[in-house]
């Protein structure tokens, strides 16, 4: 599929949500290859065709099941958009730390869902309003606060020659490493301190005390 018109698998246990999301996505030229409440459909023949997995984080009371589904999909290099009713900052940051492409609440509507899927398909960061709020809560405006996993990946990238080496060191896929680094860039750009190159990110990290010269 074209990355501008990608394909998705929808995992949600509410038929009305599935129907609405399917209509929005298909109306925007995005193909839904499979949909249902069981995360295992992402691994079926039609689910494996999808460029992006849209995953509801509240599929049932068995939250460990859906969390395991998220981590397994990310570990396999799948692009996952978490699509949920949960609006708490802790859950959003936990999902980002796990490596999802972005975190979207169902209240954010059609335009954000379509944009999030297209960005994920192109391995580009996407920060909807709720996620921006979670990222910025209780932080100084010009000093982004990174998750521990983002800091780990960023430092590994500074110390390695390639993202493939970072992936091997951190037990992640190269695509997931790219996602972490892109999200760090988004944080700095939103804070008015863009860092479009590796050297610029090193400078920002040194300025903010995230790393020391001895780490390099």
N, C-alpha and C. Protein backbone atom coordinates (compact mmCIF):
# COMPACT_ATOMS: atom_id res chain seq x y z
N UNK A 1 0.84 -1.20 0.00
CA UNK A 1 0.00 0.00 0.00
C UNK A 1 0.88 1.26 0.00
N UNK A 2 0.36 2.34 -0.59
CA UNK A 2 1.02 3.63 -0.50
C UNK A 2 1.00 4.10 0.94
N UNK A 3 2.09 4.75 1.36
CA UNK A 3 2.14 5.23 2.73
C UNK A 3 1.17 6.39 2.96
N UNK A 4 0.72 7.06 1.87
CA UNK A 4 -0.30 8.10 2.01
C UNK A 4 -1.68 7.48 2.11
N UNK A 5 -1.85 6.31 1.55
CA UNK A 5 -3.11 5.57 1.63
C UNK A 5 -2.80 4.18 2.13
N UNK A 6 -2.41 4.06 3.40
CA UNK A 6 -1.96 2.78 3.94
C UNK A 6 -3.12 1.86 4.27
N UNK A 7 -2.79 0.72 4.84
CA UNK A 7 -3.80 -0.24 5.29
C UNK A 7 -3.66 -0.42 6.79
N UNK A 8 -4.78 -0.74 7.44
CA UNK A 8 -4.77 -0.90 8.89
C UNK A 8 -5.57 -2.13 9.30
N UNK A 9 -5.27 -2.63 10.49
CA UNK A 9 -6.12 -3.59 11.18
C UNK A 9 -6.64 -2.90 12.43
N UNK A 10 -7.95 -3.00 12.65
CA UNK A 10 -8.61 -2.35 13.79
C UNK A 10 -8.91 -3.38 14.87
N UNK A 11 -8.43 -3.13 16.10
CA UNK A 11 -8.69 -4.04 17.21
C UNK A 11 -9.44 -3.27 18.29
N UNK A 12 -10.71 -3.58 18.44
CA UNK A 12 -11.56 -2.89 19.42
C UNK A 12 -12.77 -3.79 19.69
N UNK A 13 -13.22 -3.81 20.95
CA UNK A 13 -14.34 -4.70 21.28
C UNK A 13 -15.69 -4.01 21.25
N UNK A 14 -15.77 -2.78 20.74
CA UNK A 14 -17.04 -2.08 20.61
C UNK A 14 -17.41 -1.99 19.13
N UNK A 15 -18.42 -2.70 18.67
CA UNK A 15 -18.79 -2.68 17.25
C UNK A 15 -19.05 -1.29 16.70
N UNK A 16 -19.63 -0.41 17.52
CA UNK A 16 -19.92 0.94 17.04
C UNK A 16 -18.62 1.70 16.77
N UNK A 17 -17.63 1.52 17.65
CA UNK A 17 -16.33 2.17 17.45
C UNK A 17 -15.67 1.63 16.18
N UNK A 18 -15.71 0.31 16.01
CA UNK A 18 -15.11 -0.30 14.82
C UNK A 18 -15.77 0.24 13.56
N UNK A 19 -17.10 0.30 13.58
CA UNK A 19 -17.83 0.78 12.40
C UNK A 19 -17.49 2.23 12.10
N UNK A 20 -17.45 3.05 13.14
CA UNK A 20 -17.14 4.47 12.94
C UNK A 20 -15.72 4.68 12.45
N UNK A 21 -14.75 3.99 13.08
CA UNK A 21 -13.36 4.14 12.67
C UNK A 21 -13.15 3.61 11.25
N UNK A 22 -13.80 2.50 10.93
CA UNK A 22 -13.69 1.94 9.58
C UNK A 22 -14.20 2.95 8.54
N UNK A 23 -15.34 3.57 8.84
CA UNK A 23 -15.92 4.54 7.92
C UNK A 23 -15.00 5.74 7.72
N UNK A 24 -14.46 6.26 8.82
CA UNK A 24 -13.55 7.40 8.74
C UNK A 24 -12.32 7.07 7.89
N UNK A 25 -11.71 5.92 8.20
CA UNK A 25 -10.46 5.55 7.53
C UNK A 25 -10.69 5.27 6.05
N UNK A 26 -11.71 4.48 5.76
CA UNK A 26 -11.97 4.16 4.36
C UNK A 26 -12.39 5.40 3.57
N UNK A 27 -13.08 6.31 4.23
CA UNK A 27 -13.45 7.56 3.58
C UNK A 27 -12.25 8.41 3.22
N UNK A 28 -11.13 8.19 3.94
CA UNK A 28 -9.90 8.92 3.67
C UNK A 28 -8.95 8.14 2.76
N UNK A 29 -9.42 7.01 2.22
CA UNK A 29 -8.59 6.23 1.32
C UNK A 29 -7.70 5.22 2.00
N UNK A 30 -7.95 4.94 3.26
CA UNK A 30 -7.15 3.97 4.03
C UNK A 30 -7.91 2.65 4.08
N UNK A 31 -7.27 1.57 3.68
CA UNK A 31 -7.91 0.26 3.63
C UNK A 31 -7.89 -0.42 4.99
N UNK A 32 -9.01 -0.94 5.42
CA UNK A 32 -9.08 -1.74 6.65
C UNK A 32 -9.05 -3.20 6.24
N UNK A 33 -7.94 -3.88 6.52
CA UNK A 33 -7.78 -5.27 6.08
C UNK A 33 -8.49 -6.26 7.01
N UNK A 34 -8.63 -5.89 8.28
CA UNK A 34 -9.30 -6.77 9.25
C UNK A 34 -9.72 -5.94 10.44
N UNK A 35 -10.75 -6.40 11.15
CA UNK A 35 -11.24 -5.68 12.33
C UNK A 35 -11.92 -6.66 13.27
N UNK A 36 -11.80 -6.41 14.57
CA UNK A 36 -12.43 -7.25 15.57
C UNK A 36 -11.88 -7.00 16.94
N UNK A 37 -12.33 -7.80 17.91
CA UNK A 37 -11.95 -7.56 19.30
C UNK A 37 -10.75 -8.37 19.77
N UNK A 38 -10.34 -9.35 19.01
CA UNK A 38 -9.25 -10.22 19.43
C UNK A 38 -7.92 -9.72 18.86
N UNK A 39 -6.93 -9.39 19.72
CA UNK A 39 -5.64 -8.90 19.22
C UNK A 39 -4.97 -9.87 18.26
N UNK A 40 -5.35 -11.16 18.31
CA UNK A 40 -4.71 -12.13 17.44
C UNK A 40 -5.01 -11.91 15.96
N UNK A 41 -6.03 -11.10 15.66
CA UNK A 41 -6.31 -10.85 14.24
C UNK A 41 -5.17 -10.09 13.57
N UNK A 42 -4.36 -9.40 14.37
CA UNK A 42 -3.22 -8.68 13.79
C UNK A 42 -2.19 -9.64 13.23
N UNK A 43 -2.24 -10.91 13.69
CA UNK A 43 -1.28 -11.91 13.24
C UNK A 43 -1.88 -12.85 12.20
N UNK A 44 -3.15 -12.65 11.86
CA UNK A 44 -3.78 -13.47 10.85
C UNK A 44 -3.37 -13.03 9.45
N UNK A 45 -3.75 -13.79 8.43
CA UNK A 45 -3.35 -13.47 7.06
C UNK A 45 -3.70 -12.04 6.64
N UNK A 46 -4.94 -11.59 6.99
CA UNK A 46 -5.35 -10.24 6.60
C UNK A 46 -4.71 -9.20 7.50
N UNK A 47 -4.56 -9.52 8.79
CA UNK A 47 -3.94 -8.58 9.72
C UNK A 47 -2.48 -8.31 9.40
N UNK A 48 -1.78 -9.33 8.93
CA UNK A 48 -0.37 -9.17 8.60
C UNK A 48 -0.16 -8.30 7.36
N UNK A 49 -1.21 -8.12 6.56
CA UNK A 49 -1.11 -7.24 5.40
C UNK A 49 -1.11 -5.77 5.79
N UNK A 50 -1.56 -5.46 7.00
CA UNK A 50 -1.76 -4.07 7.40
C UNK A 50 -0.44 -3.35 7.68
N UNK A 51 -0.36 -2.10 7.25
CA UNK A 51 0.80 -1.26 7.55
C UNK A 51 0.78 -0.80 9.01
N UNK A 52 -0.43 -0.61 9.55
CA UNK A 52 -0.59 -0.03 10.89
C UNK A 52 -1.62 -0.84 11.67
N UNK A 53 -1.38 -1.01 12.96
CA UNK A 53 -2.36 -1.63 13.86
C UNK A 53 -2.95 -0.54 14.74
N UNK A 54 -4.27 -0.38 14.71
CA UNK A 54 -4.97 0.54 15.60
C UNK A 54 -5.52 -0.30 16.75
N UNK A 55 -5.01 -0.07 17.96
CA UNK A 55 -5.27 -0.94 19.11
C UNK A 55 -5.98 -0.21 20.23
N UNK A 56 -7.15 -0.70 20.61
CA UNK A 56 -7.85 -0.20 21.79
C UNK A 56 -7.15 -0.77 23.02
N UNK A 57 -6.83 0.09 23.97
CA UNK A 57 -6.12 -0.37 25.16
C UNK A 57 -7.08 -0.85 26.25
N UNK A 58 -8.38 -0.77 26.04
CA UNK A 58 -9.34 -1.25 27.02
C UNK A 58 -10.26 -2.28 26.36
N UNK A 59 -9.67 -3.36 25.92
CA UNK A 59 -10.45 -4.37 25.24
C UNK A 59 -11.34 -5.15 26.19
N UNK A 60 -10.89 -5.28 27.43
CA UNK A 60 -11.63 -6.07 28.41
C UNK A 60 -11.10 -5.73 29.79
N UNK A 61 -11.56 -6.47 30.78
CA UNK A 61 -11.02 -6.29 32.13
C UNK A 61 -9.64 -6.92 32.26
N UNK A 62 -9.27 -7.76 31.31
CA UNK A 62 -7.95 -8.42 31.37
C UNK A 62 -6.91 -7.51 30.73
N UNK A 63 -6.54 -6.44 31.43
CA UNK A 63 -5.66 -5.44 30.84
C UNK A 63 -4.29 -6.01 30.51
N UNK A 64 -3.85 -7.06 31.21
CA UNK A 64 -2.55 -7.63 30.88
C UNK A 64 -2.55 -8.24 29.49
N UNK A 65 -3.71 -8.71 29.04
CA UNK A 65 -3.82 -9.29 27.70
C UNK A 65 -3.54 -8.23 26.65
N UNK A 66 -4.19 -7.07 26.76
CA UNK A 66 -4.00 -6.03 25.76
C UNK A 66 -2.62 -5.41 25.87
N UNK A 67 -2.09 -5.29 27.10
CA UNK A 67 -0.74 -4.75 27.24
C UNK A 67 0.26 -5.71 26.59
N UNK A 68 0.10 -6.99 26.80
CA UNK A 68 0.97 -7.96 26.15
C UNK A 68 0.86 -7.88 24.64
N UNK A 69 -0.37 -7.64 24.15
CA UNK A 69 -0.56 -7.50 22.70
C UNK A 69 0.23 -6.32 22.17
N UNK A 70 0.20 -5.20 22.89
CA UNK A 70 0.94 -4.01 22.48
C UNK A 70 2.44 -4.29 22.43
N UNK A 71 2.97 -4.85 23.51
CA UNK A 71 4.42 -5.07 23.55
C UNK A 71 4.87 -6.10 22.52
N UNK A 72 4.05 -7.11 22.27
CA UNK A 72 4.41 -8.12 21.27
C UNK A 72 4.40 -7.53 19.86
N UNK A 73 3.43 -6.69 19.57
CA UNK A 73 3.37 -6.06 18.26
C UNK A 73 4.56 -5.14 18.04
N UNK A 74 4.88 -4.33 19.05
CA UNK A 74 6.02 -3.42 18.94
C UNK A 74 7.32 -4.19 18.78
N UNK A 75 7.47 -5.25 19.56
CA UNK A 75 8.69 -6.06 19.49
C UNK A 75 8.88 -6.67 18.11
N UNK A 76 7.77 -6.93 17.42
CA UNK A 76 7.83 -7.51 16.08
C UNK A 76 8.03 -6.45 14.99
N UNK A 77 8.13 -5.19 15.42
CA UNK A 77 8.34 -4.12 14.45
C UNK A 77 7.08 -3.56 13.84
N UNK A 78 5.91 -3.92 14.41
CA UNK A 78 4.65 -3.39 13.87
C UNK A 78 4.46 -1.95 14.33
N UNK A 79 3.82 -1.16 13.48
CA UNK A 79 3.50 0.22 13.84
C UNK A 79 2.14 0.23 14.53
N UNK A 80 2.10 0.66 15.78
CA UNK A 80 0.88 0.58 16.58
C UNK A 80 0.41 1.98 16.98
N UNK A 81 -0.83 2.30 16.65
CA UNK A 81 -1.49 3.51 17.15
C UNK A 81 -2.43 3.07 18.26
N UNK A 82 -2.14 3.46 19.49
CA UNK A 82 -3.04 3.16 20.60
C UNK A 82 -4.22 4.13 20.52
N UNK A 83 -5.43 3.56 20.52
CA UNK A 83 -6.66 4.33 20.35
C UNK A 83 -7.58 3.96 21.50
N UNK A 84 -7.78 4.87 22.46
CA UNK A 84 -8.34 4.49 23.74
C UNK A 84 -9.21 5.57 24.34
N UNK A 85 -10.05 5.16 25.30
CA UNK A 85 -10.81 6.12 26.10
C UNK A 85 -9.98 6.70 27.23
N UNK A 86 -8.86 6.05 27.55
CA UNK A 86 -8.05 6.48 28.69
C UNK A 86 -7.31 7.78 28.37
N UNK A 87 -7.43 8.74 29.27
CA UNK A 87 -6.83 10.05 29.05
C UNK A 87 -5.77 10.39 30.09
N UNK A 88 -5.40 9.42 30.94
CA UNK A 88 -4.44 9.75 31.99
C UNK A 88 -3.02 9.79 31.44
N UNK A 89 -2.24 10.71 31.98
CA UNK A 89 -0.87 10.94 31.52
C UNK A 89 0.01 9.70 31.69
N UNK A 90 -0.17 8.98 32.81
CA UNK A 90 0.69 7.83 33.08
C UNK A 90 0.55 6.76 32.01
N UNK A 91 -0.70 6.47 31.59
CA UNK A 91 -0.91 5.46 30.56
C UNK A 91 -0.32 5.91 29.23
N UNK A 92 -0.52 7.17 28.88
CA UNK A 92 0.02 7.68 27.61
C UNK A 92 1.54 7.53 27.57
N UNK A 93 2.21 7.96 28.64
CA UNK A 93 3.67 7.89 28.65
C UNK A 93 4.16 6.45 28.70
N UNK A 94 3.41 5.59 29.39
CA UNK A 94 3.80 4.18 29.43
C UNK A 94 3.73 3.56 28.04
N UNK A 95 2.70 3.91 27.29
CA UNK A 95 2.58 3.38 25.93
C UNK A 95 3.69 3.90 25.03
N UNK A 96 4.02 5.16 25.16
CA UNK A 96 5.13 5.71 24.39
C UNK A 96 6.43 5.01 24.74
N UNK A 97 6.63 4.79 26.04
CA UNK A 97 7.85 4.11 26.47
C UNK A 97 7.90 2.68 25.92
N UNK A 98 6.74 2.07 25.76
CA UNK A 98 6.69 0.71 25.20
C UNK A 98 6.98 0.70 23.71
N UNK A 99 6.88 1.88 23.06
CA UNK A 99 7.24 1.96 21.66
C UNK A 99 6.10 2.11 20.67
N UNK A 100 4.88 2.46 21.14
CA UNK A 100 3.80 2.67 20.18
C UNK A 100 4.12 3.91 19.33
N UNK A 101 3.54 3.95 18.13
CA UNK A 101 3.80 5.07 17.23
C UNK A 101 3.22 6.37 17.78
N UNK A 102 2.02 6.30 18.31
CA UNK A 102 1.42 7.45 18.96
C UNK A 102 0.26 6.98 19.83
N UNK A 103 -0.25 7.89 20.64
CA UNK A 103 -1.31 7.60 21.60
C UNK A 103 -2.44 8.58 21.35
N UNK A 104 -3.62 8.04 21.04
CA UNK A 104 -4.75 8.86 20.62
C UNK A 104 -5.97 8.51 21.46
N UNK A 105 -6.66 9.53 21.96
CA UNK A 105 -7.90 9.25 22.68
C UNK A 105 -9.07 9.28 21.68
N UNK A 106 -10.10 8.51 21.98
CA UNK A 106 -11.25 8.42 21.07
C UNK A 106 -12.00 9.74 20.98
N UNK A 107 -11.83 10.60 21.97
CA UNK A 107 -12.50 11.90 21.93
C UNK A 107 -11.89 12.83 20.89
N UNK A 108 -10.72 12.47 20.37
CA UNK A 108 -10.03 13.39 19.44
C UNK A 108 -10.52 13.30 18.00
N UNK A 109 -11.31 12.29 17.68
CA UNK A 109 -12.06 12.32 16.45
C UNK A 109 -11.36 11.90 15.18
N UNK A 110 -12.09 12.08 14.09
CA UNK A 110 -11.73 11.54 12.78
C UNK A 110 -10.41 12.07 12.24
N UNK A 111 -10.24 13.38 12.25
CA UNK A 111 -9.06 13.96 11.61
C UNK A 111 -7.77 13.48 12.27
N UNK A 112 -7.77 13.40 13.59
CA UNK A 112 -6.57 12.95 14.29
C UNK A 112 -6.30 11.46 14.04
N UNK A 113 -7.35 10.66 13.97
CA UNK A 113 -7.15 9.23 13.72
C UNK A 113 -6.55 9.01 12.34
N UNK A 114 -7.09 9.67 11.34
CA UNK A 114 -6.56 9.54 9.98
C UNK A 114 -5.11 10.02 9.92
N UNK A 115 -4.84 11.18 10.52
CA UNK A 115 -3.48 11.72 10.50
C UNK A 115 -2.51 10.83 11.25
N UNK A 116 -2.94 10.26 12.36
CA UNK A 116 -2.07 9.38 13.15
C UNK A 116 -1.71 8.13 12.37
N UNK A 117 -2.69 7.55 11.67
CA UNK A 117 -2.43 6.34 10.88
C UNK A 117 -1.48 6.64 9.74
N UNK A 118 -1.70 7.74 9.05
CA UNK A 118 -0.81 8.08 7.93
C UNK A 118 0.61 8.35 8.42
N UNK A 119 0.74 9.05 9.54
CA UNK A 119 2.08 9.33 10.07
C UNK A 119 2.77 8.03 10.48
N UNK A 120 2.04 7.15 11.16
CA UNK A 120 2.64 5.89 11.60
C UNK A 120 3.10 5.06 10.40
N UNK A 121 2.31 5.05 9.34
CA UNK A 121 2.67 4.28 8.15
C UNK A 121 3.95 4.78 7.50
N UNK A 122 4.25 6.07 7.70
CA UNK A 122 5.45 6.67 7.13
C UNK A 122 6.60 6.75 8.14
N UNK A 123 6.40 6.12 9.31
CA UNK A 123 7.39 6.18 10.39
C UNK A 123 7.68 7.61 10.81
N UNK A 124 6.64 8.44 10.82
CA UNK A 124 6.77 9.82 11.24
C UNK A 124 6.09 10.02 12.58
N UNK A 125 6.61 10.92 13.43
CA UNK A 125 5.95 11.16 14.71
C UNK A 125 4.65 11.92 14.51
N UNK A 126 3.69 11.70 15.40
CA UNK A 126 2.44 12.44 15.38
C UNK A 126 2.02 12.67 16.82
N UNK A 127 1.77 13.93 17.17
CA UNK A 127 1.44 14.28 18.55
C UNK A 127 0.09 14.97 18.58
N UNK A 128 -1.00 14.22 18.86
CA UNK A 128 -2.32 14.84 19.00
C UNK A 128 -2.39 15.63 20.31
N UNK A 129 -3.43 16.44 20.50
CA UNK A 129 -3.48 17.32 21.68
C UNK A 129 -3.34 16.61 23.01
N UNK A 130 -4.01 15.48 23.19
CA UNK A 130 -3.95 14.81 24.49
C UNK A 130 -2.53 14.34 24.80
N UNK A 131 -1.83 13.87 23.78
CA UNK A 131 -0.47 13.40 23.99
C UNK A 131 0.47 14.56 24.25
N UNK A 132 0.25 15.67 23.57
CA UNK A 132 1.05 16.87 23.82
C UNK A 132 0.90 17.30 25.27
N UNK A 133 -0.35 17.21 25.78
CA UNK A 133 -0.57 17.56 27.18
C UNK A 133 0.14 16.62 28.13
N UNK A 134 0.11 15.34 27.82
CA UNK A 134 0.80 14.36 28.67
C UNK A 134 2.30 14.59 28.66
N UNK A 135 2.83 14.94 27.50
CA UNK A 135 4.27 15.16 27.39
C UNK A 135 4.70 16.41 28.14
N UNK A 136 3.84 17.42 28.14
CA UNK A 136 4.25 18.72 28.68
C UNK A 136 3.85 18.94 30.13
N UNK A 137 3.02 18.07 30.69
CA UNK A 137 2.53 18.29 32.05
C UNK A 137 3.68 18.36 33.05
N UNK A 138 3.63 19.40 33.90
CA UNK A 138 4.61 19.56 34.97
C UNK A 138 6.04 19.65 34.46
N UNK A 139 6.22 20.24 33.28
CA UNK A 139 7.56 20.42 32.74
C UNK A 139 7.80 21.89 32.47
N UNK A 140 9.07 22.32 32.56
CA UNK A 140 9.43 23.65 32.13
C UNK A 140 9.21 23.74 30.63
N UNK A 141 8.80 24.92 30.16
CA UNK A 141 8.43 25.06 28.76
C UNK A 141 9.57 24.76 27.80
N UNK A 142 10.80 25.07 28.23
CA UNK A 142 11.92 24.91 27.29
C UNK A 142 12.78 23.69 27.58
N UNK A 143 12.34 22.83 28.50
CA UNK A 143 13.16 21.68 28.87
C UNK A 143 12.31 20.42 28.85
N UNK A 144 12.21 19.77 27.71
CA UNK A 144 11.37 18.57 27.62
C UNK A 144 11.82 17.50 28.59
N UNK A 145 10.85 16.78 29.11
CA UNK A 145 11.13 15.68 30.02
C UNK A 145 10.96 14.37 29.26
N UNK A 146 12.03 13.62 29.15
CA UNK A 146 12.01 12.38 28.40
C UNK A 146 11.72 11.20 29.32
N UNK A 147 11.11 10.17 28.76
CA UNK A 147 10.94 8.94 29.51
C UNK A 147 12.30 8.26 29.67
N UNK A 148 12.39 7.35 30.62
CA UNK A 148 13.66 6.65 30.84
C UNK A 148 14.08 5.86 29.61
N UNK A 149 13.11 5.29 28.90
CA UNK A 149 13.44 4.52 27.70
C UNK A 149 13.93 5.44 26.59
N UNK A 150 13.32 6.61 26.44
CA UNK A 150 13.78 7.56 25.44
C UNK A 150 15.21 8.00 25.73
N UNK A 151 15.52 8.25 27.00
CA UNK A 151 16.88 8.62 27.37
C UNK A 151 17.86 7.50 27.05
N UNK A 152 17.46 6.28 27.34
CA UNK A 152 18.33 5.13 27.07
C UNK A 152 18.63 5.01 25.58
N UNK A 153 17.58 5.11 24.75
CA UNK A 153 17.75 4.99 23.31
C UNK A 153 18.57 6.15 22.76
N UNK A 154 18.30 7.35 23.27
CA UNK A 154 19.03 8.53 22.80
C UNK A 154 20.53 8.40 23.11
N UNK A 155 20.86 8.00 24.32
CA UNK A 155 22.27 7.84 24.69
C UNK A 155 22.92 6.76 23.84
N UNK A 156 22.21 5.64 23.63
CA UNK A 156 22.76 4.57 22.80
C UNK A 156 23.02 5.07 21.39
N UNK A 157 22.12 5.91 20.87
CA UNK A 157 22.31 6.45 19.53
C UNK A 157 23.53 7.36 19.46
N UNK A 158 23.73 8.16 20.51
CA UNK A 158 24.91 9.02 20.54
C UNK A 158 26.20 8.19 20.56
N UNK A 159 26.13 7.01 21.16
CA UNK A 159 27.33 6.19 21.32
C UNK A 159 27.55 5.19 20.19
N UNK A 160 26.55 5.01 19.33
CA UNK A 160 26.63 4.02 18.26
C UNK A 160 26.71 4.70 16.89
N UNK A 161 27.21 3.98 15.92
CA UNK A 161 27.35 4.52 14.58
C UNK A 161 26.07 4.44 13.76
N UNK A 162 25.15 3.59 14.15
CA UNK A 162 23.92 3.43 13.38
C UNK A 162 22.76 3.07 14.28
N UNK A 163 21.55 3.27 13.76
CA UNK A 163 20.35 2.91 14.51
C UNK A 163 20.18 1.40 14.58
N UNK A 164 20.76 0.69 13.61
CA UNK A 164 20.72 -0.77 13.67
C UNK A 164 21.49 -1.28 14.88
N UNK A 165 22.63 -0.64 15.19
CA UNK A 165 23.41 -1.02 16.37
C UNK A 165 22.66 -0.67 17.65
N UNK A 166 21.97 0.46 17.63
CA UNK A 166 21.14 0.85 18.79
C UNK A 166 20.06 -0.20 19.01
N UNK A 167 19.43 -0.62 17.93
CA UNK A 167 18.36 -1.63 18.02
C UNK A 167 18.89 -2.91 18.66
N UNK A 168 20.08 -3.34 18.25
CA UNK A 168 20.66 -4.56 18.82
C UNK A 168 20.98 -4.38 20.29
N UNK A 169 21.50 -3.21 20.65
CA UNK A 169 21.87 -2.98 22.05
C UNK A 169 20.65 -2.92 22.96
N UNK A 170 19.60 -2.28 22.49
CA UNK A 170 18.41 -2.06 23.31
C UNK A 170 17.33 -3.12 23.12
N UNK A 171 17.59 -4.12 22.28
CA UNK A 171 16.62 -5.19 22.02
C UNK A 171 15.32 -4.63 21.45
N UNK A 172 15.46 -3.76 20.43
CA UNK A 172 14.32 -3.15 19.76
C UNK A 172 14.49 -3.34 18.26
N UNK A 173 13.44 -3.06 17.51
CA UNK A 173 13.57 -3.05 16.06
C UNK A 173 14.12 -1.68 15.64
N UNK A 174 14.83 -1.59 14.50
CA UNK A 174 15.30 -0.29 14.02
C UNK A 174 14.17 0.72 13.85
N UNK A 175 12.99 0.26 13.44
CA UNK A 175 11.85 1.16 13.27
C UNK A 175 11.43 1.76 14.61
N UNK A 176 11.47 0.95 15.67
CA UNK A 176 11.11 1.46 16.99
C UNK A 176 12.14 2.47 17.48
N UNK A 177 13.42 2.19 17.23
CA UNK A 177 14.47 3.15 17.58
C UNK A 177 14.21 4.48 16.88
N UNK A 178 13.89 4.42 15.60
CA UNK A 178 13.59 5.63 14.83
C UNK A 178 12.42 6.39 15.46
N UNK A 179 11.40 5.65 15.92
CA UNK A 179 10.25 6.29 16.54
C UNK A 179 10.60 7.02 17.81
N UNK A 180 11.44 6.41 18.64
CA UNK A 180 11.88 7.08 19.87
C UNK A 180 12.61 8.38 19.55
N UNK A 181 13.53 8.32 18.62
CA UNK A 181 14.33 9.51 18.29
C UNK A 181 13.44 10.60 17.70
N UNK A 182 12.50 10.21 16.85
CA UNK A 182 11.58 11.19 16.26
C UNK A 182 10.74 11.87 17.34
N UNK A 183 10.31 11.10 18.34
CA UNK A 183 9.49 11.71 19.41
C UNK A 183 10.31 12.69 20.23
N UNK A 184 11.58 12.39 20.44
CA UNK A 184 12.44 13.33 21.16
C UNK A 184 12.55 14.63 20.36
N UNK A 185 12.72 14.51 19.04
CA UNK A 185 12.78 15.71 18.21
C UNK A 185 11.49 16.52 18.31
N UNK A 186 10.34 15.83 18.32
CA UNK A 186 9.06 16.51 18.45
C UNK A 186 8.99 17.27 19.76
N UNK A 187 9.42 16.66 20.83
CA UNK A 187 9.39 17.32 22.14
C UNK A 187 10.20 18.62 22.10
N UNK A 188 11.39 18.56 21.54
CA UNK A 188 12.23 19.75 21.49
C UNK A 188 11.65 20.81 20.56
N UNK A 189 11.10 20.38 19.43
CA UNK A 189 10.50 21.34 18.51
C UNK A 189 9.32 22.06 19.15
N UNK A 190 8.51 21.31 19.88
CA UNK A 190 7.34 21.92 20.54
C UNK A 190 7.76 22.87 21.65
N UNK A 191 8.94 22.65 22.21
CA UNK A 191 9.45 23.53 23.26
C UNK A 191 10.19 24.74 22.70
N UNK A 192 10.22 24.87 21.37
CA UNK A 192 10.89 26.00 20.75
C UNK A 192 12.39 25.86 20.66
N UNK A 193 12.88 24.62 20.78
CA UNK A 193 14.31 24.35 20.71
C UNK A 193 14.55 23.20 19.72
N UNK A 194 14.28 23.42 18.44
CA UNK A 194 14.40 22.33 17.48
C UNK A 194 15.80 21.75 17.41
N UNK A 195 15.86 20.45 17.11
CA UNK A 195 17.13 19.74 17.00
C UNK A 195 17.01 18.78 15.82
N UNK A 196 17.27 19.29 14.63
CA UNK A 196 17.01 18.52 13.42
C UNK A 196 18.16 17.59 13.04
N UNK A 197 19.31 17.73 13.69
CA UNK A 197 20.46 16.87 13.39
C UNK A 197 20.90 16.14 14.66
N UNK A 198 21.70 15.10 14.46
CA UNK A 198 22.23 14.36 15.60
C UNK A 198 23.08 15.27 16.48
N UNK A 199 23.90 16.11 15.87
CA UNK A 199 24.75 17.03 16.64
C UNK A 199 23.91 17.98 17.48
N UNK A 200 22.79 18.46 16.90
CA UNK A 200 21.93 19.38 17.65
C UNK A 200 21.29 18.67 18.84
N UNK A 201 20.90 17.39 18.65
CA UNK A 201 20.32 16.65 19.77
C UNK A 201 21.35 16.41 20.86
N UNK A 202 22.59 16.15 20.47
CA UNK A 202 23.65 15.99 21.47
C UNK A 202 23.79 17.28 22.29
N UNK A 203 23.77 18.42 21.60
CA UNK A 203 23.90 19.70 22.28
C UNK A 203 22.75 19.93 23.26
N UNK A 204 21.52 19.63 22.82
CA UNK A 204 20.36 19.80 23.71
C UNK A 204 20.48 18.89 24.93
N UNK A 205 20.86 17.64 24.70
CA UNK A 205 20.96 16.69 25.80
C UNK A 205 22.02 17.12 26.80
N UNK A 206 23.13 17.67 26.33
CA UNK A 206 24.17 18.18 27.22
C UNK A 206 23.66 19.39 28.00
N UNK A 207 22.98 20.29 27.31
CA UNK A 207 22.45 21.48 27.97
C UNK A 207 21.49 21.13 29.09
N UNK A 208 20.68 20.09 28.87
CA UNK A 208 19.63 19.73 29.83
C UNK A 208 20.10 18.71 30.86
N UNK A 209 21.34 18.33 30.82
CA UNK A 209 21.88 17.39 31.80
C UNK A 209 21.43 15.96 31.60
N UNK A 210 20.92 15.65 30.40
CA UNK A 210 20.51 14.27 30.13
C UNK A 210 21.70 13.35 29.95
N UNK A 211 22.80 13.92 29.47
CA UNK A 211 24.05 13.17 29.32
C UNK A 211 25.20 14.05 29.79
N UNK A 212 26.33 13.43 29.99
CA UNK A 212 27.56 14.13 30.32
C UNK A 212 28.58 13.87 29.20
N UNK A 213 29.57 14.76 29.09
CA UNK A 213 30.58 14.57 28.06
C UNK A 213 31.26 13.20 28.18
N UNK A 214 31.40 12.72 29.42
CA UNK A 214 32.04 11.43 29.63
C UNK A 214 31.22 10.28 29.05
N UNK A 215 29.91 10.52 28.79
CA UNK A 215 29.06 9.48 28.23
C UNK A 215 29.32 9.27 26.74
N UNK A 216 29.93 10.26 26.11
CA UNK A 216 30.09 10.23 24.65
C UNK A 216 31.39 9.52 24.24
